[in-house]
Amino acid sequence: MKTFFIAFLMSTSFLTAQAQAFSLSMDNLVRDLNFPDPIAEPVTKDKVQPER
């Protein structure tokens, strides 16, 4: 029973190591939730003169 348990652990650790090596990258699955700071727009005075 002891040798079976050791063989089972060695084979499962070998298989899981291969599965982790070929796994997909998780970096692109979740969107980045950090929003950039808004850029202040310059305040300009309208050049249109109201009719008098």
PDB file of N, CA and C in Angstrom:
ATOM      1  N   MET A   1       0.827  -1.195   0.000  1.00  0.00           N
ATOM      2  CA  MET A   1       0.000   0.000   0.000  1.00  0.00           C
ATOM      3  C   MET A   1       0.874   1.262   0.000  1.00  0.00           C
ATOM      4  N   LYS A   2       2.001   1.192   0.702  1.00  0.00           N
ATOM      5  CA  LYS A   2       2.876   2.350   0.771  1.00  0.00           C
ATOM      6  C   LYS A   2       3.483   2.658  -0.601  1.00  0.00           C
ATOM      7  N   THR A   3       3.903   1.636  -1.320  1.00  0.00           N
ATOM      8  CA  THR A   3       4.488   1.863  -2.642  1.00  0.00           C
ATOM      9  C   THR A   3       3.429   2.372  -3.627  1.00  0.00           C
ATOM     10  N   PHE A   4       2.190   1.889  -3.497  1.00  0.00           N
ATOM     11  CA  PHE A   4       1.109   2.380  -4.355  1.00  0.00           C
ATOM     12  C   PHE A   4       0.865   3.864  -4.089  1.00  0.00           C
ATOM     13  N   PHE A   5       0.851   4.252  -2.841  1.00  0.00           N
ATOM     14  CA  PHE A   5       0.619   5.654  -2.484  1.00  0.00           C
ATOM     15  C   PHE A   5       1.750   6.553  -3.009  1.00  0.00           C
ATOM     16  N   ILE A   6       2.968   6.104  -2.885  1.00  0.00           N
ATOM     17  CA  ILE A   6       4.107   6.880  -3.390  1.00  0.00           C
ATOM     18  C   ILE A   6       4.051   6.988  -4.909  1.00  0.00           C
ATOM     19  N   ALA A   7       3.732   5.880  -5.580  1.00  0.00           N
ATOM     20  CA  ALA A   7       3.629   5.902  -7.043  1.00  0.00           C
ATOM     21  C   ALA A   7       2.482   6.805  -7.490  1.00  0.00           C
ATOM     22  N   PHE A   8       1.380   6.773  -6.767  1.00  0.00           N
ATOM     23  CA  PHE A   8       0.229   7.624  -7.090  1.00  0.00           C
ATOM     24  C   PHE A   8       0.592   9.102  -6.946  1.00  0.00           C
ATOM     25  N   LEU A   9       1.259   9.458  -5.877  1.00  0.00           N
ATOM     26  CA  LEU A   9       1.650  10.849  -5.667  1.00  0.00           C
ATOM     27  C   LEU A   9       2.663  11.322  -6.707  1.00  0.00           C
ATOM     28  N   MET A  10       3.611  10.471  -7.045  1.00  0.00           N
ATOM     29  CA  MET A  10       4.611  10.855  -8.041  1.00  0.00           C
ATOM     30  C   MET A  10       3.972  11.049  -9.417  1.00  0.00           C
ATOM     31  N   SER A  11       3.056  10.161  -9.796  1.00  0.00           N
ATOM     32  CA  SER A  11       2.432  10.278 -11.120  1.00  0.00           C
ATOM     33  C   SER A  11       1.491  11.472 -11.181  1.00  0.00           C
ATOM     34  N   THR A  12       0.735  11.720 -10.127  1.00  0.00           N
ATOM     35  CA  THR A  12      -0.176  12.871 -10.156  1.00  0.00           C
ATOM     36  C   THR A  12       0.598  14.188 -10.124  1.00  0.00           C
ATOM     37  N   SER A  13       1.689  14.238  -9.385  1.00  0.00           N
ATOM     38  CA  SER A  13       2.477  15.480  -9.371  1.00  0.00           C
ATOM     39  C   SER A  13       3.125  15.719 -10.733  1.00  0.00           C
ATOM     40  N   PHE A  14       3.535  14.666 -11.409  1.00  0.00           N
ATOM     41  CA  PHE A  14       4.104  14.803 -12.753  1.00  0.00           C
ATOM     42  C   PHE A  14       3.054  15.300 -13.735  1.00  0.00           C
ATOM     43  N   LEU A  15       1.837  14.768 -13.658  1.00  0.00           N
ATOM     44  CA  LEU A  15       0.782  15.177 -14.578  1.00  0.00           C
ATOM     45  C   LEU A  15       0.297  16.596 -14.302  1.00  0.00           C
ATOM     46  N   THR A  16       0.207  16.961 -13.041  1.00  0.00           N
ATOM     47  CA  THR A  16      -0.247  18.317 -12.737  1.00  0.00           C
ATOM     48  C   THR A  16       0.814  19.346 -13.109  1.00  0.00           C
ATOM     49  N   ALA A  17       2.086  18.987 -13.010  1.00  0.00           N
ATOM     50  CA  ALA A  17       3.145  19.912 -13.418  1.00  0.00           C
ATOM     51  C   ALA A  17       3.061  20.181 -14.917  1.00  0.00           C
ATOM     52  N   GLN A  18       2.770  19.167 -15.703  1.00  0.00           N
ATOM     53  CA  GLN A  18       2.622  19.369 -17.149  1.00  0.00           C
ATOM     54  C   GLN A  18       1.382  20.203 -17.452  1.00  0.00           C
ATOM     55  N   ALA A  19       0.305  19.968 -16.721  1.00  0.00           N
ATOM     56  CA  ALA A  19      -0.921  20.737 -16.957  1.00  0.00           C
ATOM     57  C   ALA A  19      -0.704  22.202 -16.612  1.00  0.00           C
ATOM     58  N   GLN A  20       0.041  22.481 -15.571  1.00  0.00           N
ATOM     59  CA  GLN A  20       0.309  23.876 -15.214  1.00  0.00           C
ATOM     60  C   GLN A  20       1.258  24.524 -16.210  1.00  0.00           C
ATOM     61  N   ALA A  21       2.168  23.766 -16.773  1.00  0.00           N
ATOM     62  CA  ALA A  21       3.110  24.327 -17.733  1.00  0.00           C
ATOM     63  C   ALA A  21       2.409  24.729 -19.026  1.00  0.00           C
ATOM     64  N   PHE A  22       1.360  23.999 -19.421  1.00  0.00           N
ATOM     65  CA  PHE A  22       0.654  24.295 -20.661  1.00  0.00           C
ATOM     66  C   PHE A  22      -0.646  25.048 -20.438  1.00  0.00           C
ATOM     67  N   SER A  23      -0.859  25.569 -19.247  1.00  0.00           N
ATOM     68  CA  SER A  23      -2.118  26.257 -18.961  1.00  0.00           C
ATOM     69  C   SER A  23      -2.139  27.616 -19.640  1.00  0.00           C
ATOM     70  N   LEU A  24      -3.330  28.155 -19.778  1.00  0.00           N
ATOM     71  CA  LEU A  24      -3.502  29.460 -20.403  1.00  0.00           C
ATOM     72  C   LEU A  24      -3.102  30.561 -19.439  1.00  0.00           C
ATOM     73  N   SER A  25      -2.686  31.659 -19.989  1.00  0.00           N
ATOM     74  CA  SER A  25      -2.337  32.813 -19.168  1.00  0.00           C
ATOM     75  C   SER A  25      -3.614  33.481 -18.677  1.00  0.00           C
ATOM     76  N   MET A  26      -3.660  33.816 -17.412  1.00  0.00           N
ATOM     77  CA  MET A  26      -4.840  34.436 -16.830  1.00  0.00           C
ATOM     78  C   MET A  26      -4.761  35.960 -16.860  1.00  0.00           C
ATOM     79  N   ASP A  27      -3.713  36.529 -17.441  1.00  0.00           N
ATOM     80  CA  ASP A  27      -3.532  37.977 -17.420  1.00  0.00           C
ATOM     81  C   ASP A  27      -4.555  38.710 -18.277  1.00  0.00           C
ATOM     82  N   ASN A  28      -4.955  38.130 -19.391  1.00  0.00           N
ATOM     83  CA  ASN A  28      -5.834  38.832 -20.317  1.00  0.00           C
ATOM     84  C   ASN A  28      -7.310  38.520 -20.101  1.00  0.00           C
ATOM     85  N   LEU A  29      -7.643  37.712 -19.123  1.00  0.00           N
ATOM     86  CA  LEU A  29      -9.035  37.339 -18.929  1.00  0.00           C
ATOM     87  C   LEU A  29      -9.816  38.376 -18.135  1.00  0.00           C
ATOM     88  N   VAL A  30      -9.150  39.165 -17.325  1.00  0.00           N
ATOM     89  CA  VAL A  30      -9.817  40.157 -16.494  1.00  0.00           C
ATOM     90  C   VAL A  30      -9.390  41.538 -16.969  1.00  0.00           C
ATOM     91  N   ARG A  31     -10.375  42.428 -17.155  1.00  0.00           N
ATOM     92  CA  ARG A  31     -10.064  43.769 -17.621  1.00  0.00           C
ATOM     93  C   ARG A  31      -9.397  44.578 -16.519  1.00  0.00           C
ATOM     94  N   ASP A  32      -8.614  45.545 -16.938  1.00  0.00           N
ATOM     95  CA  ASP A  32      -7.955  46.446 -16.001  1.00  0.00           C
ATOM     96  C   ASP A  32      -8.980  47.454 -15.491  1.00  0.00           C
ATOM     97  N   LEU A  33      -9.140  47.534 -14.165  1.00  0.00           N
ATOM     98  CA  LEU A  33     -10.140  48.416 -13.590  1.00  0.00           C
ATOM     99  C   LEU A  33      -9.552  49.743 -13.125  1.00  0.00           C
ATOM    100  N   ASN A  34      -8.321  50.007 -13.441  1.00  0.00           N
ATOM    101  CA  ASN A  34      -7.709  51.289 -13.097  1.00  0.00           C
ATOM    102  C   ASN A  34      -7.986  52.274 -14.223  1.00  0.00           C
ATOM    103  N   PHE A  35      -8.720  53.331 -13.902  1.00  0.00           N
ATOM    104  CA  PHE A  35      -9.074  54.315 -14.908  1.00  0.00           C
ATOM    105  C   PHE A  35      -8.054  55.445 -14.885  1.00  0.00           C
ATOM    106  N   PRO A  36      -7.693  55.985 -16.038  1.00  0.00           N
ATOM    107  CA  PRO A  36      -6.731  57.091 -16.060  1.00  0.00           C
ATOM    108  C   PRO A  36      -7.364  58.364 -15.513  1.00  0.00           C
ATOM    109  N   ASP A  37      -6.532  59.257 -15.021  1.00  0.00           N
ATOM    110  CA  ASP A  37      -7.025  60.551 -14.536  1.00  0.00           C
ATOM    111  C   ASP A  37      -7.524  61.367 -15.714  1.00  0.00           C
ATOM    112  N   PRO A  38      -8.643  62.072 -15.543  1.00  0.00           N
ATOM    113  CA  PRO A  38      -9.146  62.882 -16.657  1.00  0.00           C
ATOM    114  C   PRO A  38      -8.204  64.045 -16.953  1.00  0.00           C
ATOM    115  N   ILE A  39      -8.099  64.356 -18.220  1.00  0.00           N
ATOM    116  CA  ILE A  39      -7.248  65.464 -18.653  1.00  0.00           C
ATOM    117  C   ILE A  39      -8.086  66.737 -18.625  1.00  0.00           C
ATOM    118  N   ALA A  40      -7.571  67.751 -17.976  1.00  0.00           N
ATOM    119  CA  ALA A  40      -8.292  69.023 -17.905  1.00  0.00           C
ATOM    120  C   ALA A  40      -8.256  69.698 -19.266  1.00  0.00           C
ATOM    121  N   GLU A  41      -9.431  70.045 -19.764  1.00  0.00           N
ATOM    122  CA  GLU A  41      -9.504  70.724 -21.050  1.00  0.00           C
ATOM    123  C   GLU A  41      -9.317  72.223 -20.830  1.00  0.00           C
ATOM    124  N   PRO A  42      -8.642  72.883 -21.743  1.00  0.00           N
ATOM    125  CA  PRO A  42      -8.450  74.331 -21.562  1.00  0.00           C
ATOM    126  C   PRO A  42      -9.773  75.080 -21.701  1.00  0.00           C
ATOM    127  N   VAL A  43      -9.949  76.069 -20.860  1.00  0.00           N
ATOM    128  CA  VAL A  43     -11.169  76.878 -20.909  1.00  0.00           C
ATOM    129  C   VAL A  43     -10.932  78.015 -21.891  1.00  0.00           C
ATOM    130  N   THR A  44     -11.802  78.107 -22.871  1.00  0.00           N
ATOM    131  CA  THR A  44     -11.662  79.163 -23.879  1.00  0.00           C
ATOM    132  C   THR A  44     -12.915  80.014 -23.897  1.00  0.00           C
ATOM    133  N   LYS A  45     -12.750  81.247 -24.243  1.00  0.00           N
ATOM    134  CA  LYS A  45     -13.881  82.161 -24.359  1.00  0.00           C
ATOM    135  C   LYS A  45     -14.378  82.102 -25.796  1.00  0.00           C
ATOM    136  N   ASP A  46     -15.688  82.039 -25.940  1.00  0.00           N
ATOM    137  CA  ASP A  46     -16.255  82.023 -27.284  1.00  0.00           C
ATOM    138  C   ASP A  46     -15.963  83.349 -27.991  1.00  0.00           C
ATOM    139  N   LYS A  47     -15.660  83.267 -29.268  1.00  0.00           N
ATOM    140  CA  LYS A  47     -15.381  84.462 -30.055  1.00  0.00           C
ATOM    141  C   LYS A  47     -16.648  85.033 -30.681  1.00  0.00           C
ATOM    142  N   VAL A  48     -17.756  84.365 -30.504  1.00  0.00           N
ATOM    143  CA  VAL A  48     -19.002  84.819 -31.095  1.00  0.00           C
ATOM    144  C   VAL A  48     -19.575  85.934 -30.207  1.00  0.00           C
ATOM    145  N   GLN A  49     -19.821  87.080 -30.810  1.00  0.00           N
ATOM    146  CA  GLN A  49     -20.410  88.211 -30.095  1.00  0.00           C
ATOM    147  C   GLN A  49     -21.929  88.156 -30.257  1.00  0.00           C
ATOM    148  N   PRO A  50     -22.648  88.262 -29.167  1.00  0.00           N
ATOM    149  CA  PRO A  50     -24.110  88.277 -29.306  1.00  0.00           C
ATOM    150  C   PRO A  50     -24.556  89.548 -30.036  1.00  0.00           C
ATOM    151  N   GLU A  51     -25.621  89.426 -30.798  1.00  0.00           N
ATOM    152  CA  GLU A  51     -26.123  90.592 -31.567  1.00  0.00           C
ATOM    153  C   GLU A  51     -26.695  91.606 -30.599  1.00  0.00           C
ATOM    154  N   ARG A  52     -26.411  92.880 -30.870  1.00  0.00           N
ATOM    155  CA  ARG A  52     -26.896  93.939 -29.982  1.00  0.00           C
ATOM    156  C   ARG A  52     -28.040  94.661 -30.583  1.00  0.00           C
TER     157      ARG A  52
END
